[in-house]
Amino acid sequence: MPAKPESPEQQISTAPRTVPVRSGHDPHTGTTESALPSISRRHALLFGLVGVLYLLVVLAILYDSPLVDLDWSLQLLRPYRRWPDALPYLDIWVIAGQRGPTAIAACLWLGWRCYRSHSARPLLVMGMALLLLNVTVGGVKILTGRLGPHYAHYVGSPELFSGGSIFPSGHTANAVVTWGVLAYLATRWRRTGTVLAGLTAASIGLTTVYLGTHWISDVFAGWAAGALVLLSLPLAEPAVAALDRRVLAAWHREGRFARPAAVPRPRPTASPLPQPWPPRPLPARPQPAQARSTTPSHTVRLSRSERYSMVSSASGASTRTVHQPRSAASARAGSTGSPG
């Protein structure tokens, strides 16, 4: 027996739906919903993998692993002495990883983006990223206290807890975060910006090893710390949105800088064909007096006797007598000589 087709109401009720989750108190269940946004499994897996790599690098330095030997082998190689031709160019290029110049340039562009979009989100995202960078990088710098290659005391030593602030590499982490945030906020060129940000961060880290200002393990930790900050930005979007609403409310309080209401653009319609102008009546020309007709609009046909009587009455006192013409019979009689 064939199955009975479902009604449209049943089809709609059985279709899967996705309901957005918002923070707040649910009156039906009496529970408080979570305000954290959901992330994909790939995002969570990548976040956990980068966090584990960061922790492994830190532990490798603390326990004097073979990674410390790799640091010393690259330092004793002294690349800046073997290939001195690239030194002037790389001294300038390493500025792209410094906090001051890059943050100023990025904030100027993001400020223009805020003005165009009537939103403080671009600057808030950059500020949130730099704050997370200070926590993840600055805290580890203070705890480890590692010295740089130019200030090391013993060959093969990790140079920890010596009052330094070289681990992780701040240049590398700052390059990852600054250029990565610009790619994160890009709308049209996001993929291209991601590739350029990755190449910039990689080259900045290797440049610091070339110049001898960082160990290679510092660069590894800097890459991991910057990537953790970038992966944390989607989780910080609710806080950024709340701050954005507060900033806009304070900025537009007086109403002078209120955001203009979005006006839907009318769809272009086909222009109607031009209608011809109605014919203009010509002015009436006055006719001359001699051309005017005096014939009445209604004419009466009169007999011959009535016309003669009208003529005689019109003559008035005239002594002339108008004789009516004889009939055809009398005229024939007269012509034969009969008496009148």
Protein backbone atom coordinates (compact mmCIF):
# COMPACT_ATOMS: atom_id res chain seq x y z
CA MET A 1 0.00 0.00 0.00
CA PRO A 2 1.58 3.30 -1.01
CA ALA A 3 2.41 5.70 1.77
CA LYS A 4 0.15 8.66 2.19
CA PRO A 5 1.95 11.89 1.25
CA GLU A 6 2.55 14.22 4.11
CA SER A 7 0.87 17.54 4.34
CA PRO A 8 2.94 20.76 4.04
CA GLU A 9 2.51 21.33 7.79
CA GLN A 10 4.00 17.90 8.59
CA GLN A 11 6.87 18.44 6.19
CA ILE A 12 7.75 21.74 7.79
CA SER A 13 7.47 20.37 11.32
CA THR A 14 9.74 17.39 10.63
CA ALA A 15 12.43 19.39 8.77
CA PRO A 16 15.66 19.95 10.75
CA ARG A 17 16.15 23.44 12.07
CA THR A 18 19.08 25.35 13.56
CA VAL A 19 18.27 27.68 16.41
CA PRO A 20 20.81 30.38 17.32
CA VAL A 21 21.93 30.22 20.93
CA ARG A 22 21.98 33.49 22.82
CA SER A 23 23.12 34.32 26.27
CA GLY A 24 20.51 34.91 28.90
CA HIS A 25 17.96 33.17 31.08
CA ASP A 26 15.58 30.70 29.44
CA PRO A 27 12.10 31.05 31.03
CA HIS A 28 11.01 27.60 29.82
CA THR A 29 13.84 25.53 31.27
CA GLY A 30 15.01 27.91 33.98
CA THR A 31 18.64 27.60 32.86
CA THR A 32 21.15 30.14 31.70
CA GLU A 33 22.42 29.72 28.16
CA SER A 34 26.10 30.03 27.28
CA ALA A 35 27.37 33.15 25.52
CA LEU A 36 30.44 31.45 24.03
CA PRO A 37 30.24 31.01 20.26
CA SER A 38 30.47 27.52 18.83
CA ILE A 39 33.61 26.60 16.89
CA SER A 40 34.17 23.83 14.41
CA ARG A 41 36.05 20.65 15.18
CA ARG A 42 38.85 21.67 12.86
CA HIS A 43 39.23 24.95 14.69
CA ALA A 44 39.26 23.26 18.07
CA LEU A 45 41.74 20.62 16.88
CA LEU A 46 44.06 23.26 15.44
CA PHE A 47 43.83 25.34 18.61
CA GLY A 48 44.73 22.34 20.76
CA LEU A 49 47.59 21.30 18.47
CA VAL A 50 49.19 24.76 18.50
CA GLY A 51 48.79 24.96 22.27
CA VAL A 52 50.52 21.60 22.72
CA LEU A 53 53.39 22.68 20.45
CA TYR A 54 53.83 25.88 22.45
CA LEU A 55 53.94 23.90 25.69
CA LEU A 56 56.42 21.38 24.27
CA VAL A 57 58.82 24.15 23.21
CA VAL A 58 58.67 25.68 26.68
CA LEU A 59 59.30 22.32 28.33
CA ALA A 60 62.14 21.55 25.91
CA ILE A 61 63.91 24.72 26.99
CA LEU A 62 63.28 24.14 30.68
CA TYR A 63 64.63 20.59 30.62
CA ASP A 64 67.68 21.33 28.42
CA SER A 65 66.60 19.13 25.49
CA PRO A 66 68.36 18.75 22.11
CA LEU A 67 66.51 21.86 21.02
CA VAL A 68 69.01 23.86 23.08
CA ASP A 69 71.86 22.23 21.15
CA LEU A 70 70.19 23.33 17.91
CA ASP A 71 70.08 26.87 19.28
CA TRP A 72 73.81 26.86 19.94
CA SER A 73 74.75 25.27 16.63
CA LEU A 74 72.94 28.04 14.69
CA GLN A 75 74.42 30.71 16.95
CA LEU A 76 77.98 29.46 16.47
CA LEU A 77 77.39 29.44 12.72
CA ARG A 78 77.02 33.24 12.86
CA PRO A 79 75.05 33.82 9.63
CA TYR A 80 75.47 37.60 9.77
CA ARG A 81 79.25 37.10 9.39
CA ARG A 82 79.09 34.45 6.69
CA TRP A 83 76.66 36.36 4.51
CA PRO A 84 77.19 40.04 5.39
CA ASP A 85 75.71 41.36 2.11
CA ALA A 86 72.13 40.88 3.34
CA LEU A 87 72.74 42.57 6.68
CA PRO A 88 71.72 46.16 5.70
CA TYR A 89 68.49 44.99 4.12
CA LEU A 90 67.51 42.66 6.93
CA ASP A 91 68.21 45.35 9.52
CA ILE A 92 65.46 47.38 7.87
CA TRP A 93 63.14 44.43 7.25
CA VAL A 94 63.14 43.38 10.91
CA ILE A 95 61.31 46.63 11.72
CA ALA A 96 58.17 45.00 10.27
CA GLY A 97 58.07 42.88 13.42
CA GLN A 98 58.48 45.66 15.98
CA ARG A 99 55.44 46.55 18.01
CA GLY A 100 55.57 50.34 17.69
CA PRO A 101 55.84 50.94 13.92
CA THR A 102 53.57 48.08 12.90
CA ALA A 103 50.88 48.84 15.47
CA ILE A 104 50.77 52.52 14.50
CA ALA A 105 50.51 51.75 10.78
CA ALA A 106 47.86 49.08 11.36
CA CYS A 107 45.79 51.25 13.68
CA LEU A 108 45.78 54.13 11.18
CA TRP A 109 44.34 51.87 8.51
CA LEU A 110 41.89 50.27 10.95
CA GLY A 111 40.77 53.70 12.12
CA TRP A 112 39.87 54.56 8.54
CA ARG A 113 37.97 51.27 8.36
CA CYS A 114 36.06 52.23 11.52
CA TYR A 115 35.11 55.57 10.00
CA ARG A 116 33.87 53.98 6.79
CA SER A 117 31.92 51.18 8.49
CA HIS A 118 30.56 53.28 11.42
CA SER A 119 31.82 50.62 13.81
CA ALA A 120 34.68 50.36 16.30
CA ARG A 121 35.13 46.62 15.73
CA PRO A 122 38.39 46.79 13.70
CA LEU A 123 40.23 48.72 16.39
CA LEU A 124 38.68 46.64 19.16
CA VAL A 125 39.82 43.41 17.52
CA MET A 126 43.37 44.73 17.19
CA GLY A 127 43.36 45.91 20.80
CA MET A 128 42.05 42.55 22.00
CA ALA A 129 44.73 40.71 20.01
CA LEU A 130 47.56 42.85 21.40
CA LEU A 131 46.20 42.36 24.92
CA LEU A 132 46.18 38.58 24.50
CA LEU A 133 49.68 38.77 23.03
CA ASN A 134 50.98 40.55 26.11
CA VAL A 135 49.48 37.87 28.33
CA THR A 136 50.73 34.85 26.39
CA VAL A 137 54.17 36.24 25.52
CA GLY A 138 54.92 38.75 28.27
CA GLY A 139 54.09 36.34 31.06
CA VAL A 140 56.37 33.62 29.70
CA LYS A 141 59.18 36.14 29.17
CA ILE A 142 59.05 37.13 32.82
CA LEU A 143 58.86 33.53 34.08
CA THR A 144 61.74 32.17 31.99
CA GLY A 145 64.11 35.15 32.10
CA ARG A 146 66.22 33.82 29.23
CA LEU A 147 69.21 35.70 27.81
CA GLY A 148 69.81 36.26 24.12
CA PRO A 149 72.67 34.79 22.05
CA HIS A 150 74.79 37.95 22.32
CA TYR A 151 74.61 37.87 26.14
CA ALA A 152 75.03 34.11 26.78
CA HIS A 153 77.57 33.03 29.39
CA TYR A 154 78.17 29.30 28.77
CA VAL A 155 78.11 27.34 25.54
CA GLY A 156 75.36 24.74 25.62
CA SER A 157 73.45 26.44 28.44
CA PRO A 158 69.77 27.35 28.00
CA GLU A 159 70.49 30.66 29.78
CA LEU A 160 67.28 30.57 31.81
CA PHE A 161 66.36 32.58 34.92
CA SER A 162 69.14 35.07 34.25
CA GLY A 163 67.07 38.25 34.11
CA GLY A 164 66.59 38.25 30.36
CA SER A 165 63.41 38.69 28.32
CA ILE A 166 64.17 36.96 25.05
CA PHE A 167 61.93 33.86 25.13
CA PRO A 168 59.58 33.73 23.23
CA SER A 169 60.52 36.06 20.39
CA GLY A 170 58.45 39.22 20.63
CA HIS A 171 59.31 40.27 17.07
CA THR A 172 58.04 36.99 15.67
CA ALA A 173 54.86 36.84 17.77
CA ASN A 174 54.07 40.48 17.04
CA ALA A 175 54.50 39.94 13.30
CA VAL A 176 52.16 36.95 13.42
CA VAL A 177 49.49 38.85 15.37
CA THR A 178 49.64 42.25 13.66
CA TRP A 179 49.66 41.05 10.08
CA GLY A 180 47.39 38.15 10.94
CA VAL A 181 44.73 40.49 12.38
CA LEU A 182 44.82 42.56 9.18
CA ALA A 183 44.19 39.39 7.20
CA TYR A 184 41.48 38.37 9.68
CA LEU A 185 39.64 41.67 9.20
CA ALA A 186 40.04 41.69 5.43
CA THR A 187 36.86 41.18 3.42
CA ARG A 188 37.93 40.82 -0.19
CA TRP A 189 41.58 39.75 -0.04
CA ARG A 190 41.46 37.45 3.00
CA ARG A 191 43.25 34.52 1.40
CA THR A 192 45.90 36.70 -0.16
CA GLY A 193 46.32 38.56 3.13
CA THR A 194 46.70 35.27 5.00
CA VAL A 195 49.48 34.12 2.68
CA LEU A 196 51.27 37.46 2.92
CA ALA A 197 50.93 37.52 6.72
CA GLY A 198 52.37 33.99 6.96
CA LEU A 199 55.33 34.83 4.75
CA THR A 200 56.00 38.04 6.66
CA ALA A 201 55.92 36.29 10.05
CA ALA A 202 58.17 33.47 8.82
CA SER A 203 60.72 35.86 7.32
CA ILE A 204 60.78 38.06 10.43
CA GLY A 205 61.50 35.07 12.66
CA LEU A 206 64.33 33.80 10.47
CA THR A 207 65.73 37.34 10.22
CA THR A 208 66.11 37.53 13.99
CA VAL A 209 68.08 34.25 13.92
CA TYR A 210 70.26 35.64 11.13
CA LEU A 211 70.99 38.79 13.12
CA GLY A 212 71.77 36.75 16.26
CA THR A 213 69.17 38.51 18.43
CA HIS A 214 67.11 35.33 19.08
CA TRP A 215 67.55 31.60 19.38
CA ILE A 216 65.68 29.40 16.95
CA SER A 217 63.63 28.04 19.86
CA ASP A 218 62.55 31.62 20.61
CA VAL A 219 61.22 31.86 17.07
CA PHE A 220 59.33 28.55 17.36
CA ALA A 221 57.67 29.73 20.57
CA GLY A 222 56.87 33.11 19.00
CA TRP A 223 55.15 31.51 16.04
CA ALA A 224 53.09 29.29 18.35
CA ALA A 225 52.14 32.14 20.69
CA GLY A 226 51.02 34.38 17.82
CA ALA A 227 48.99 31.59 16.24
CA LEU A 228 47.24 30.95 19.57
CA VAL A 229 46.21 34.60 19.72
CA LEU A 230 44.79 34.51 16.20
CA LEU A 231 42.89 31.31 16.91
CA SER A 232 41.42 32.89 20.05
CA LEU A 233 39.92 35.86 18.19
CA PRO A 234 36.68 34.07 17.13
CA LEU A 235 36.10 33.16 20.78
CA ALA A 236 36.47 36.82 21.76
CA GLU A 237 33.92 38.09 19.23
CA PRO A 238 31.01 38.32 21.78
CA ALA A 239 33.13 40.52 24.05
CA VAL A 240 34.18 42.64 21.08
CA ALA A 241 30.55 43.04 19.98
CA ALA A 242 29.49 44.12 23.48
CA LEU A 243 32.29 46.69 23.63
CA ASP A 244 31.38 47.90 20.17
CA ARG A 245 27.78 48.55 21.24
CA ARG A 246 28.93 50.48 24.29
CA VAL A 247 31.40 52.57 22.32
CA LEU A 248 28.80 53.42 19.69
CA ALA A 249 26.22 54.28 22.36
CA ALA A 250 28.66 56.69 24.02
CA TRP A 251 29.79 58.14 20.70
CA HIS A 252 26.27 58.68 19.30
CA ARG A 253 24.72 59.85 22.55
CA GLU A 254 24.30 63.44 21.35
CA GLY A 255 22.85 62.31 18.06
CA ARG A 256 25.24 64.32 15.91
CA PHE A 257 27.14 61.32 14.71
CA ALA A 258 24.23 58.92 14.47
CA ARG A 259 24.57 56.14 11.99
CA PRO A 260 22.48 56.89 8.92
CA ALA A 261 19.58 54.55 8.37
CA ALA A 262 20.01 52.14 5.55
CA VAL A 263 17.80 53.15 2.66
CA PRO A 264 17.03 50.36 0.21
CA ARG A 265 18.07 51.25 -3.27
CA PRO A 266 15.23 51.19 -5.78
CA ARG A 267 15.56 48.63 -8.47
CA PRO A 268 16.08 50.09 -11.93
CA THR A 269 12.96 49.84 -14.05
CA ALA A 270 12.60 50.09 -17.77
CA SER A 271 11.88 53.65 -18.77
CA PRO A 272 8.50 54.03 -20.54
CA LEU A 273 8.44 55.06 -24.15
CA PRO A 274 8.01 58.79 -24.67
CA GLN A 275 4.40 59.68 -25.35
CA PRO A 276 3.76 62.02 -28.32
CA TRP A 277 2.44 65.45 -27.47
CA PRO A 278 -1.26 66.03 -28.30
CA PRO A 279 -1.79 68.06 -31.46
CA ARG A 280 -2.09 71.73 -30.73
CA PRO A 281 -5.27 73.30 -32.21
CA LEU A 282 -4.65 76.00 -34.77
CA PRO A 283 -6.01 79.46 -33.93
CA ALA A 284 -9.27 80.34 -35.68
CA ARG A 285 -8.79 82.96 -38.38
CA PRO A 286 -11.53 85.58 -38.79
CA GLN A 287 -13.28 85.34 -42.15
CA PRO A 288 -13.81 88.51 -44.26
CA ALA A 289 -17.21 90.21 -44.24
CA GLN A 290 -17.96 89.57 -47.91
CA ALA A 291 -17.28 85.90 -47.48
CA ARG A 292 -19.75 85.47 -44.67
CA SER A 293 -22.94 83.68 -45.61
CA THR A 294 -26.30 85.28 -44.79
CA THR A 295 -28.26 82.18 -45.65
CA PRO A 296 -30.28 81.08 -42.66
CA SER A 297 -29.52 77.72 -41.27
CA HIS A 298 -33.11 76.56 -42.01
CA THR A 299 -34.58 77.19 -45.47
CA VAL A 300 -38.27 76.91 -46.48
CA ARG A 301 -39.25 75.92 -49.96
CA LEU A 302 -41.98 78.34 -51.30
CA SER A 303 -44.27 77.94 -54.24
CA ARG A 304 -44.19 80.35 -57.14
CA SER A 305 -47.40 82.09 -56.12
CA GLU A 306 -46.09 82.61 -52.57
CA ARG A 307 -42.88 84.13 -53.88
CA TYR A 308 -44.81 86.60 -56.08
CA SER A 309 -47.06 87.54 -53.20
CA MET A 310 -44.01 88.22 -50.98
CA VAL A 311 -42.50 90.43 -53.69
CA SER A 312 -45.74 92.38 -54.10
CA SER A 313 -46.11 92.93 -50.36
CA ALA A 314 -42.52 94.06 -50.14
CA SER A 315 -42.99 96.66 -52.90
CA GLY A 316 -45.54 98.46 -50.69
CA ALA A 317 -47.01 101.56 -52.36
CA SER A 318 -45.60 100.77 -55.75
CA THR A 319 -48.24 101.11 -58.49
CA ARG A 320 -46.65 98.42 -60.52
CA THR A 321 -48.79 95.38 -60.77
CA VAL A 322 -47.18 92.09 -61.17
CA HIS A 323 -49.12 89.78 -63.37
CA GLN A 324 -48.82 86.14 -62.85
CA PRO A 325 -47.88 84.20 -65.91
CA ARG A 326 -50.57 82.37 -67.63
CA SER A 327 -50.85 78.72 -67.52
CA ALA A 328 -49.74 76.56 -70.37
CA ALA A 329 -53.36 75.95 -71.58
CA SER A 330 -54.23 79.63 -71.77
CA ALA A 331 -50.99 80.31 -73.54
CA ARG A 332 -51.82 77.79 -76.18
CA ALA A 333 -55.31 79.22 -76.55
CA GLY A 334 -53.99 82.70 -77.05
CA SER A 335 -51.65 81.61 -79.65
CA THR A 336 -54.57 80.13 -81.68
CA GLY A 337 -56.51 83.42 -81.64
CA SER A 338 -59.31 82.57 -79.23
CA PRO A 339 -60.77 85.56 -77.33
CA GLY A 340 -59.49 86.33 -73.89
